[in-house]
Amino acid sequence: MYLTHFGLEAAPFSLTPDTRCFFGVRSHVDAVNTCVSAMSMGEGLVKVTGEVGTGKTLVCRMVLNALGGRFTLVFLPNPAHSVSSLHRMIASELGVDDSLAEDRLLGAIQQAAISAAANDKPVVILCDEAQTLPDSVLEAIRLLGNLETEQRKLIQLIMFGQPELDARLSQHNMRQLLQRIGFSAELTPLSYAETAAYIEHRLAEQGATSPLFSAWAKRRIWMASQGIPRLIHQLCHKALLLSFGQGKRRVTARAVRLAIKDTPLARPHNALQALWG
């Protein structure tokens, strides 16, 4: 609705993760590098955690792109709620007959992993929303990590999850799985400098030729969003839409305040005043 008005080619603050617009904030880059390096070294199991909206899906897609061609990738975007469904999801991604009986399915997965390793494209499983997995499935993931030859792991795993995953893994019955995690990465909220640069990057990617957000607007959006990228997107989109409705060529202070008020998870204006004066 506001693209032509602001001279933009596409919506700069879409909520759909797009690797073409990746902006290298520190924790995101660190997470991608950790995953790629660990898989290249055959480390077996990596954990990436972050609060809701901090960019786990985007980082996961960046890791998939970085590993593509060198590994046999199995991406599980939806959590498995039983060991059987986990094995069948993996089998399907590996091209194994997932209608096999359960006692034969794991053996078939192992054979597929052996073949992939022989072709120098070892299997890497990327599991999203890992904090929702039942204990039995987490234990099955640990057992998959046990599959190995004398030289290398047959299956490596990367788990993406919310901070609740850390709480789950700290439980006594999860200690064996926790010990297998070679590397961990945490996605953190953006700093003000990162938020300001991120907003400008997203706008420039879509053709903006002049500043649309003042320094005040970017700081207020950072404070209200608490540096969470998904909330930054929501606030910026609403602020642009409201400013367009006002016929303004730049985002107004009123539009920012209304965007904050209209976004449930944003820190409200009175809380900002109490916090920052």
C-alpha atoms as a PDB file:
ATOM      1  CA  MET A   1       0.000   0.000   0.000  1.00  0.00           C
ATOM      2  CA  TYR A   2       2.800   2.421   0.825  1.00  0.00           C
ATOM      3  CA  LEU A   3       5.540   1.170  -1.537  1.00  0.00           C
ATOM      4  CA  THR A   4       5.132   3.744  -4.314  1.00  0.00           C
ATOM      5  CA  HIS A   5       4.615   6.534  -1.784  1.00  0.00           C
ATOM      6  CA  PHE A   6       7.993   5.844  -0.152  1.00  0.00           C
ATOM      7  CA  GLY A   7       9.798   4.790  -3.357  1.00  0.00           C
ATOM      8  CA  LEU A   8      10.173   1.149  -2.327  1.00  0.00           C
ATOM      9  CA  GLU A   9      10.309  -1.875  -4.614  1.00  0.00           C
ATOM     10  CA  ALA A  10       8.963  -4.411  -2.098  1.00  0.00           C
ATOM     11  CA  ALA A  11       7.834  -4.548   1.508  1.00  0.00           C
ATOM     12  CA  PRO A  12      11.007  -4.085   3.570  1.00  0.00           C
ATOM     13  CA  PHE A  13       9.651  -5.521   6.815  1.00  0.00           C
ATOM     14  CA  SER A  14       7.928  -8.731   5.812  1.00  0.00           C
ATOM     15  CA  LEU A  15       7.627 -11.311   8.590  1.00  0.00           C
ATOM     16  CA  THR A  16       8.662 -14.140   6.248  1.00  0.00           C
ATOM     17  CA  PRO A  17      12.376 -14.930   6.758  1.00  0.00           C
ATOM     18  CA  ASP A  18      14.313 -14.202   3.560  1.00  0.00           C
ATOM     19  CA  THR A  19      17.989 -15.146   3.358  1.00  0.00           C
ATOM     20  CA  ARG A  20      18.476 -12.640   0.538  1.00  0.00           C
ATOM     21  CA  CYS A  21      17.986  -9.855   3.090  1.00  0.00           C
ATOM     22  CA  PHE A  22      20.252 -11.376   5.739  1.00  0.00           C
ATOM     23  CA  PHE A  23      21.979  -8.708   7.794  1.00  0.00           C
ATOM     24  CA  GLY A  24      24.980  -9.930   9.742  1.00  0.00           C
ATOM     25  CA  VAL A  25      24.286  -8.969  13.344  1.00  0.00           C
ATOM     26  CA  ARG A  26      26.864 -10.494  15.653  1.00  0.00           C
ATOM     27  CA  SER A  27      24.883 -13.284  17.298  1.00  0.00           C
ATOM     28  CA  HIS A  28      23.404 -14.429  13.974  1.00  0.00           C
ATOM     29  CA  VAL A  29      26.789 -14.585  12.285  1.00  0.00           C
ATOM     30  CA  ASP A  30      28.290 -16.375  15.277  1.00  0.00           C
ATOM     31  CA  ALA A  31      25.495 -18.957  15.231  1.00  0.00           C
ATOM     32  CA  VAL A  32      25.863 -19.654  11.507  1.00  0.00           C
ATOM     33  CA  ASN A  33      29.653 -19.924  11.792  1.00  0.00           C
ATOM     34  CA  THR A  34      29.376 -22.197  14.836  1.00  0.00           C
ATOM     35  CA  CYS A  35      27.020 -24.586  13.059  1.00  0.00           C
ATOM     36  CA  VAL A  36      29.008 -24.712   9.825  1.00  0.00           C
ATOM     37  CA  SER A  37      32.359 -25.124  11.567  1.00  0.00           C
ATOM     38  CA  ALA A  38      31.065 -27.823  13.908  1.00  0.00           C
ATOM     39  CA  MET A  39      29.554 -29.828  11.055  1.00  0.00           C
ATOM     40  CA  SER A  40      32.754 -29.478   9.018  1.00  0.00           C
ATOM     41  CA  MET A  41      34.743 -30.832  11.968  1.00  0.00           C
ATOM     42  CA  GLY A  42      32.318 -33.694  12.545  1.00  0.00           C
ATOM     43  CA  GLU A  43      31.425 -32.551  16.054  1.00  0.00           C
ATOM     44  CA  GLY A  44      28.113 -34.396  16.105  1.00  0.00           C
ATOM     45  CA  LEU A  45      25.595 -32.236  17.984  1.00  0.00           C
ATOM     46  CA  VAL A  46      25.078 -28.462  18.119  1.00  0.00           C
ATOM     47  CA  LYS A  47      22.419 -26.424  19.940  1.00  0.00           C
ATOM     48  CA  VAL A  48      21.155 -22.969  18.904  1.00  0.00           C
ATOM     49  CA  THR A  49      18.726 -21.188  21.220  1.00  0.00           C
ATOM     50  CA  GLY A  50      16.981 -17.850  21.108  1.00  0.00           C
ATOM     51  CA  GLU A  51      13.846 -16.135  22.335  1.00  0.00           C
ATOM     52  CA  VAL A  52      10.740 -16.017  20.158  1.00  0.00           C
ATOM     53  CA  GLY A  53      11.320 -13.644  17.242  1.00  0.00           C
ATOM     54  CA  THR A  54      15.115 -13.465  17.451  1.00  0.00           C
ATOM     55  CA  GLY A  55      15.641 -15.095  14.039  1.00  0.00           C
ATOM     56  CA  LYS A  56      16.100 -18.843  14.578  1.00  0.00           C
ATOM     57  CA  THR A  57      14.305 -19.760  11.352  1.00  0.00           C
ATOM     58  CA  LEU A  58      16.398 -17.309   9.324  1.00  0.00           C
ATOM     59  CA  VAL A  59      19.623 -18.627  10.865  1.00  0.00           C
ATOM     60  CA  CYS A  60      18.481 -22.183  10.173  1.00  0.00           C
ATOM     61  CA  ARG A  61      17.939 -21.333   6.510  1.00  0.00           C
ATOM     62  CA  MET A  62      21.325 -19.637   6.323  1.00  0.00           C
ATOM     63  CA  VAL A  63      22.931 -22.799   7.748  1.00  0.00           C
ATOM     64  CA  LEU A  64      21.056 -24.937   5.210  1.00  0.00           C
ATOM     65  CA  ASN A  65      22.378 -22.741   2.389  1.00  0.00           C
ATOM     66  CA  ALA A  66      25.924 -22.837   3.772  1.00  0.00           C
ATOM     67  CA  LEU A  67      25.939 -26.632   4.147  1.00  0.00           C
ATOM     68  CA  GLY A  68      24.183 -27.395   0.876  1.00  0.00           C
ATOM     69  CA  GLY A  69      26.245 -29.403  -1.606  1.00  0.00           C
ATOM     70  CA  ARG A  70      28.678 -30.698   1.005  1.00  0.00           C
ATOM     71  CA  PHE A  71      26.240 -32.612   3.194  1.00  0.00           C
ATOM     72  CA  THR A  72      23.094 -34.698   2.897  1.00  0.00           C
ATOM     73  CA  LEU A  73      20.638 -32.403   4.650  1.00  0.00           C
ATOM     74  CA  VAL A  74      17.519 -33.425   6.549  1.00  0.00           C
ATOM     75  CA  PHE A  75      15.423 -30.458   7.653  1.00  0.00           C
ATOM     76  CA  LEU A  76      12.678 -31.104  10.204  1.00  0.00           C
ATOM     77  CA  PRO A  77      10.701 -27.831  10.495  1.00  0.00           C
ATOM     78  CA  ASN A  78       7.920 -29.426  12.526  1.00  0.00           C
ATOM     79  CA  PRO A  79       8.672 -31.253  15.769  1.00  0.00           C
ATOM     80  CA  ALA A  80       8.121 -35.001  15.957  1.00  0.00           C
ATOM     81  CA  HIS A  81       5.879 -36.076  18.812  1.00  0.00           C
ATOM     82  CA  SER A  82       6.964 -39.708  18.904  1.00  0.00           C
ATOM     83  CA  VAL A  83      10.093 -41.720  18.156  1.00  0.00           C
ATOM     84  CA  SER A  84       8.284 -43.460  15.316  1.00  0.00           C
ATOM     85  CA  SER A  85       7.298 -40.164  13.654  1.00  0.00           C
ATOM     86  CA  LEU A  86      10.875 -38.865  14.050  1.00  0.00           C
ATOM     87  CA  HIS A  87      12.311 -41.907  12.303  1.00  0.00           C
ATOM     88  CA  ARG A  88       9.716 -41.764   9.531  1.00  0.00           C
ATOM     89  CA  MET A  89      10.315 -38.060   8.915  1.00  0.00           C
ATOM     90  CA  ILE A  90      14.068 -38.675   8.650  1.00  0.00           C
ATOM     91  CA  ALA A  91      13.556 -41.730   6.429  1.00  0.00           C
ATOM     92  CA  SER A  92      11.351 -39.746   4.069  1.00  0.00           C
ATOM     93  CA  GLU A  93      13.964 -36.983   3.740  1.00  0.00           C
ATOM     94  CA  LEU A  94      16.693 -39.579   3.046  1.00  0.00           C
ATOM     95  CA  GLY A  95      14.655 -41.344   0.406  1.00  0.00           C
ATOM     96  CA  VAL A  96      14.176 -44.437   2.565  1.00  0.00           C
ATOM     97  CA  ASP A  97      10.899 -46.394   2.465  1.00  0.00           C
ATOM     98  CA  ASP A  98       9.132 -44.929   5.506  1.00  0.00           C
ATOM     99  CA  SER A  99       6.494 -47.665   5.445  1.00  0.00           C
ATOM    100  CA  LEU A 100       8.995 -50.180   6.828  1.00  0.00           C
ATOM    101  CA  ALA A 101       8.305 -51.700  10.225  1.00  0.00           C
ATOM    102  CA  GLU A 102       9.826 -49.708  13.073  1.00  0.00           C
ATOM    103  CA  ASP A 103      12.390 -52.399  13.891  1.00  0.00           C
ATOM    104  CA  ARG A 104      13.702 -52.233  10.312  1.00  0.00           C
ATOM    105  CA  LEU A 105      13.399 -48.496   9.769  1.00  0.00           C
ATOM    106  CA  LEU A 106      16.303 -47.440  11.962  1.00  0.00           C
ATOM    107  CA  GLY A 107      18.553 -49.973  10.217  1.00  0.00           C
ATOM    108  CA  ALA A 108      17.527 -48.566   6.837  1.00  0.00           C
ATOM    109  CA  ILE A 109      18.317 -45.032   8.043  1.00  0.00           C
ATOM    110  CA  GLN A 110      21.726 -46.234   9.195  1.00  0.00           C
ATOM    111  CA  GLN A 111      22.424 -47.809   5.809  1.00  0.00           C
ATOM    112  CA  ALA A 112      21.411 -44.574   4.054  1.00  0.00           C
ATOM    113  CA  ALA A 113      23.789 -42.663   6.337  1.00  0.00           C
ATOM    114  CA  ILE A 114      26.608 -45.117   5.570  1.00  0.00           C
ATOM    115  CA  SER A 115      26.024 -44.637   1.832  1.00  0.00           C
ATOM    116  CA  ALA A 116      25.991 -40.837   2.239  1.00  0.00           C
ATOM    117  CA  ALA A 117      29.267 -40.958   4.186  1.00  0.00           C
ATOM    118  CA  ALA A 118      30.824 -43.198   1.525  1.00  0.00           C
ATOM    119  CA  ASN A 119      29.917 -40.532  -1.045  1.00  0.00           C
ATOM    120  CA  ASP A 120      31.593 -37.924   1.191  1.00  0.00           C
ATOM    121  CA  LYS A 121      28.250 -36.210   1.886  1.00  0.00           C
ATOM    122  CA  PRO A 122      27.527 -37.099   5.527  1.00  0.00           C
ATOM    123  CA  VAL A 123      24.038 -36.659   6.933  1.00  0.00           C
ATOM    124  CA  VAL A 124      23.185 -33.537   8.925  1.00  0.00           C
ATOM    125  CA  ILE A 125      19.762 -33.278  10.570  1.00  0.00           C
ATOM    126  CA  LEU A 126      18.450 -29.806  11.437  1.00  0.00           C
ATOM    127  CA  CYS A 127      15.598 -29.899  13.941  1.00  0.00           C
ATOM    128  CA  ASP A 128      13.539 -26.761  14.580  1.00  0.00           C
ATOM    129  CA  GLU A 129      11.347 -26.091  17.641  1.00  0.00           C
ATOM    130  CA  ALA A 130      13.368 -28.639  19.619  1.00  0.00           C
ATOM    131  CA  GLN A 131      12.062 -27.324  22.954  1.00  0.00           C
ATOM    132  CA  THR A 132       8.708 -29.022  22.228  1.00  0.00           C
ATOM    133  CA  LEU A 133      10.132 -32.509  21.693  1.00  0.00           C
ATOM    134  CA  PRO A 134       9.111 -35.180  24.219  1.00  0.00           C
ATOM    135  CA  ASP A 135      11.853 -36.754  26.326  1.00  0.00           C
ATOM    136  CA  SER A 136      11.601 -39.984  24.321  1.00  0.00           C
ATOM    137  CA  VAL A 137      12.311 -38.121  21.070  1.00  0.00           C
ATOM    138  CA  LEU A 138      15.244 -36.230  22.591  1.00  0.00           C
ATOM    139  CA  GLU A 139      16.640 -39.587  23.692  1.00  0.00           C
ATOM    140  CA  ALA A 140      16.137 -40.934  20.154  1.00  0.00           C
ATOM    141  CA  ILE A 141      18.104 -37.945  18.842  1.00  0.00           C
ATOM    142  CA  ARG A 142      20.936 -38.821  21.208  1.00  0.00           C
ATOM    143  CA  LEU A 143      20.927 -42.409  19.954  1.00  0.00           C
ATOM    144  CA  LEU A 144      21.051 -41.233  16.333  1.00  0.00           C
ATOM    145  CA  GLY A 145      24.193 -39.328  17.282  1.00  0.00           C
ATOM    146  CA  ASN A 146      25.708 -42.620  18.447  1.00  0.00           C
ATOM    147  CA  LEU A 147      25.694 -44.023  14.913  1.00  0.00           C
ATOM    148  CA  GLU A 148      29.288 -43.862  13.726  1.00  0.00           C
ATOM    149  CA  THR A 149      32.132 -45.621  12.005  1.00  0.00           C
ATOM    150  CA  GLU A 150      35.620 -45.864  13.440  1.00  0.00           C
ATOM    151  CA  GLN A 151      36.496 -42.590  11.723  1.00  0.00           C
ATOM    152  CA  ARG A 152      33.417 -40.385  11.832  1.00  0.00           C
ATOM    153  CA  LYS A 153      29.863 -39.752  12.983  1.00  0.00           C
ATOM    154  CA  LEU A 154      27.306 -41.082  10.510  1.00  0.00           C
ATOM    155  CA  ILE A 155      24.669 -38.552  11.542  1.00  0.00           C
ATOM    156  CA  GLN A 156      25.240 -35.054  12.908  1.00  0.00           C
ATOM    157  CA  LEU A 157      22.481 -32.924  14.385  1.00  0.00           C
ATOM    158  CA  ILE A 158      21.697 -29.243  14.932  1.00  0.00           C
ATOM    159  CA  MET A 159      18.862 -28.414  17.324  1.00  0.00           C
ATOM    160  CA  PHE A 160      17.149 -25.017  17.183  1.00  0.00           C
ATOM    161  CA  GLY A 161      14.920 -24.047  20.079  1.00  0.00           C
ATOM    162  CA  GLN A 162      13.661 -21.460  22.506  1.00  0.00           C
ATOM    163  CA  PRO A 163      15.378 -21.002  25.907  1.00  0.00           C
ATOM    164  CA  GLU A 164      13.040 -23.649  27.325  1.00  0.00           C
ATOM    165  CA  LEU A 165      15.268 -26.166  25.553  1.00  0.00           C
ATOM    166  CA  ASP A 166      18.108 -25.280  27.923  1.00  0.00           C
ATOM    167  CA  ALA A 167      15.805 -25.878  30.882  1.00  0.00           C
ATOM    168  CA  ARG A 168      14.814 -29.255  29.458  1.00  0.00           C
ATOM    169  CA  LEU A 169      18.425 -30.291  28.914  1.00  0.00           C
ATOM    170  CA  SER A 170      19.393 -29.282  32.457  1.00  0.00           C
ATOM    171  CA  GLN A 171      17.155 -32.007  33.876  1.00  0.00           C
ATOM    172  CA  HIS A 172      18.917 -35.015  35.371  1.00  0.00           C
ATOM    173  CA  ASN A 173      17.456 -37.485  32.876  1.00  0.00           C
ATOM    174  CA  MET A 174      18.820 -35.389  29.975  1.00  0.00           C
ATOM    175  CA  ARG A 175      22.434 -35.352  31.165  1.00  0.00           C
ATOM    176  CA  GLN A 176      23.616 -37.872  28.552  1.00  0.00           C
ATOM    177  CA  LEU A 177      22.263 -35.751  25.716  1.00  0.00           C
ATOM    178  CA  LEU A 178      23.645 -32.566  27.264  1.00  0.00           C
ATOM    179  CA  GLN A 179      27.121 -34.117  27.409  1.00  0.00           C
ATOM    180  CA  ARG A 180      26.972 -34.833  23.677  1.00  0.00           C
ATOM    181  CA  ILE A 181      26.464 -31.196  22.700  1.00  0.00           C
ATOM    182  CA  GLY A 182      29.824 -30.073  21.366  1.00  0.00           C
ATOM    183  CA  PHE A 183      28.966 -26.448  20.607  1.00  0.00           C
ATOM    184  CA  SER A 184      26.173 -24.049  21.492  1.00  0.00           C
ATOM    185  CA  ALA A 185      25.117 -20.647  20.182  1.00  0.00           C
ATOM    186  CA  GLU A 186      22.612 -18.116  21.477  1.00  0.00           C
ATOM    187  CA  LEU A 187      20.676 -15.577  19.436  1.00  0.00           C
ATOM    188  CA  THR A 188      20.440 -12.366  21.426  1.00  0.00           C
ATOM    189  CA  PRO A 189      18.341  -9.204  20.961  1.00  0.00           C
ATOM    190  CA  LEU A 190      19.844  -6.481  18.781  1.00  0.00           C
ATOM    191  CA  SER A 191      21.641  -3.517  20.303  1.00  0.00           C
ATOM    192  CA  TYR A 192      20.524  -0.017  19.376  1.00  0.00           C
ATOM    193  CA  ALA A 193      23.384   0.335  16.866  1.00  0.00           C
ATOM    194  CA  GLU A 194      22.438  -3.002  15.283  1.00  0.00           C
ATOM    195  CA  THR A 195      18.752  -2.061  15.210  1.00  0.00           C
ATOM    196  CA  ALA A 196      19.419   1.282  13.516  1.00  0.00           C
ATOM    197  CA  ALA A 197      21.727  -0.323  10.940  1.00  0.00           C
ATOM    198  CA  TYR A 198      19.265  -3.179  10.429  1.00  0.00           C
ATOM    199  CA  ILE A 199      16.366  -0.822   9.672  1.00  0.00           C
ATOM    200  CA  GLU A 200      18.473   1.130   7.183  1.00  0.00           C
ATOM    201  CA  HIS A 201      19.682  -2.105   5.565  1.00  0.00           C
ATOM    202  CA  ARG A 202      16.146  -3.445   5.091  1.00  0.00           C
ATOM    203  CA  LEU A 203      15.015  -0.163   3.523  1.00  0.00           C
ATOM    204  CA  ALA A 204      18.056   0.127   1.243  1.00  0.00           C
ATOM    205  CA  GLU A 205      17.554  -3.475   0.076  1.00  0.00           C
ATOM    206  CA  GLN A 206      14.127  -2.468  -1.204  1.00  0.00           C
ATOM    207  CA  GLY A 207      15.223   0.689  -2.961  1.00  0.00           C
ATOM    208  CA  ALA A 208      14.903   3.492  -0.395  1.00  0.00           C
ATOM    209  CA  THR A 209      17.034   6.437  -1.489  1.00  0.00           C
ATOM    210  CA  SER A 210      16.463   8.776   1.470  1.00  0.00           C
ATOM    211  CA  PRO A 211      16.149   8.270   5.234  1.00  0.00           C
ATOM    212  CA  LEU A 212      12.598   7.344   6.260  1.00  0.00           C
ATOM    213  CA  PHE A 213      13.175   6.899  10.013  1.00  0.00           C
ATOM    214  CA  SER A 214      14.772   9.567  12.189  1.00  0.00           C
ATOM    215  CA  ALA A 215      17.313   8.620  14.840  1.00  0.00           C
ATOM    216  CA  TRP A 216      14.594   9.268  17.453  1.00  0.00           C
ATOM    217  CA  ALA A 217      12.180   6.891  15.669  1.00  0.00           C
ATOM    218  CA  LYS A 218      14.784   4.129  15.411  1.00  0.00           C
ATOM    219  CA  ARG A 219      15.717   4.469  19.072  1.00  0.00           C
ATOM    220  CA  ARG A 220      12.083   4.402  20.180  1.00  0.00           C
ATOM    221  CA  ILE A 221      11.440   1.320  18.019  1.00  0.00           C
ATOM    222  CA  TRP A 222      14.501  -0.367  19.511  1.00  0.00           C
ATOM    223  CA  MET A 223      13.342   0.398  23.040  1.00  0.00           C
ATOM    224  CA  ALA A 224       9.777  -0.767  22.389  1.00  0.00           C
ATOM    225  CA  SER A 225      10.846  -3.937  20.579  1.00  0.00           C
ATOM    226  CA  GLN A 226      13.582  -4.681  23.122  1.00  0.00           C
ATOM    227  CA  GLY A 227      15.778  -5.530  20.138  1.00  0.00           C
ATOM    228  CA  ILE A 228      13.626  -8.474  18.969  1.00  0.00           C
ATOM    229  CA  PRO A 229      13.774  -8.559  15.140  1.00  0.00           C
ATOM    230  CA  ARG A 230      10.190  -9.766  14.669  1.00  0.00           C
ATOM    231  CA  LEU A 231       8.859  -6.877  16.756  1.00  0.00           C
ATOM    232  CA  ILE A 232      11.136  -4.443  14.923  1.00  0.00           C
ATOM    233  CA  HIS A 233       9.509  -5.606  11.676  1.00  0.00           C
ATOM    234  CA  GLN A 234       5.990  -5.199  13.051  1.00  0.00           C
ATOM    235  CA  LEU A 235       6.663  -1.725  14.425  1.00  0.00           C
ATOM    236  CA  CYS A 236       8.430  -0.456  11.310  1.00  0.00           C
ATOM    237  CA  HIS A 237       5.703  -1.790   9.021  1.00  0.00           C
ATOM    238  CA  LYS A 238       2.941  -0.170  11.082  1.00  0.00           C
ATOM    239  CA  ALA A 239       4.845   3.107  11.382  1.00  0.00           C
ATOM    240  CA  LEU A 240       5.290   3.265   7.611  1.00  0.00           C
ATOM    241  CA  LEU A 241       1.639   2.428   7.031  1.00  0.00           C
ATOM    242  CA  LEU A 242       0.431   5.061   9.489  1.00  0.00           C
ATOM    243  CA  SER A 243       2.764   7.731   8.072  1.00  0.00           C
ATOM    244  CA  PHE A 244       1.532   6.907   4.581  1.00  0.00           C
ATOM    245  CA  GLY A 245      -2.027   7.362   5.843  1.00  0.00           C
ATOM    246  CA  GLN A 246      -1.016  10.795   7.142  1.00  0.00           C
ATOM    247  CA  GLY A 247       0.438  11.676   3.729  1.00  0.00           C
ATOM    248  CA  LYS A 248       3.935  12.109   5.197  1.00  0.00           C
ATOM    249  CA  ARG A 249       7.158  11.330   3.326  1.00  0.00           C
ATOM    250  CA  ARG A 250       8.983  10.273   6.495  1.00  0.00           C
ATOM    251  CA  VAL A 251       7.887   8.281   9.529  1.00  0.00           C
ATOM    252  CA  THR A 252       6.365  10.592  12.116  1.00  0.00           C
ATOM    253  CA  ALA A 253       6.665  10.487  15.891  1.00  0.00           C
ATOM    254  CA  ARG A 254       2.896  10.030  16.157  1.00  0.00           C
ATOM    255  CA  ALA A 255       3.020   7.034  13.817  1.00  0.00           C
ATOM    256  CA  VAL A 256       5.723   5.398  15.930  1.00  0.00           C
ATOM    257  CA  ARG A 257       3.728   5.943  19.138  1.00  0.00           C
ATOM    258  CA  LEU A 258       0.581   4.506  17.561  1.00  0.00           C
ATOM    259  CA  ALA A 259       2.508   1.527  16.186  1.00  0.00           C
ATOM    260  CA  ILE A 260       3.850   0.770  19.665  1.00  0.00           C
ATOM    261  CA  LYS A 261       0.387   1.094  21.182  1.00  0.00           C
ATOM    262  CA  ASP A 262      -1.047  -1.266  18.543  1.00  0.00           C
ATOM    263  CA  THR A 263       1.575  -4.005  19.049  1.00  0.00           C
ATOM    264  CA  PRO A 264       0.768  -6.239  22.046  1.00  0.00           C
ATOM    265  CA  LEU A 265       4.296  -7.428  22.818  1.00  0.00           C
ATOM    266  CA  ALA A 266       5.945  -4.021  22.382  1.00  0.00           C
ATOM    267  CA  ARG A 267       6.982  -2.208  25.537  1.00  0.00           C
ATOM    268  CA  PRO A 268       4.230   0.415  26.011  1.00  0.00           C
ATOM    269  CA  HIS A 269       4.964   4.121  25.864  1.00  0.00           C
ATOM    270  CA  ASN A 270       4.399   4.759  29.585  1.00  0.00           C
ATOM    271  CA  ALA A 271       6.814   1.951  30.451  1.00  0.00           C
ATOM    272  CA  LEU A 272       9.380   3.546  28.143  1.00  0.00           C
ATOM    273  CA  GLN A 273       8.969   6.873  29.879  1.00  0.00           C
ATOM    274  CA  ALA A 274       9.438   5.277  33.286  1.00  0.00           C
ATOM    275  CA  LEU A 275      12.506   3.410  32.046  1.00  0.00           C
ATOM    276  CA  TRP A 276      14.196   6.129  30.011  1.00  0.00           C
ATOM    277  CA  GLY A 277      12.616   9.365  31.220  1.00  0.00           C
END
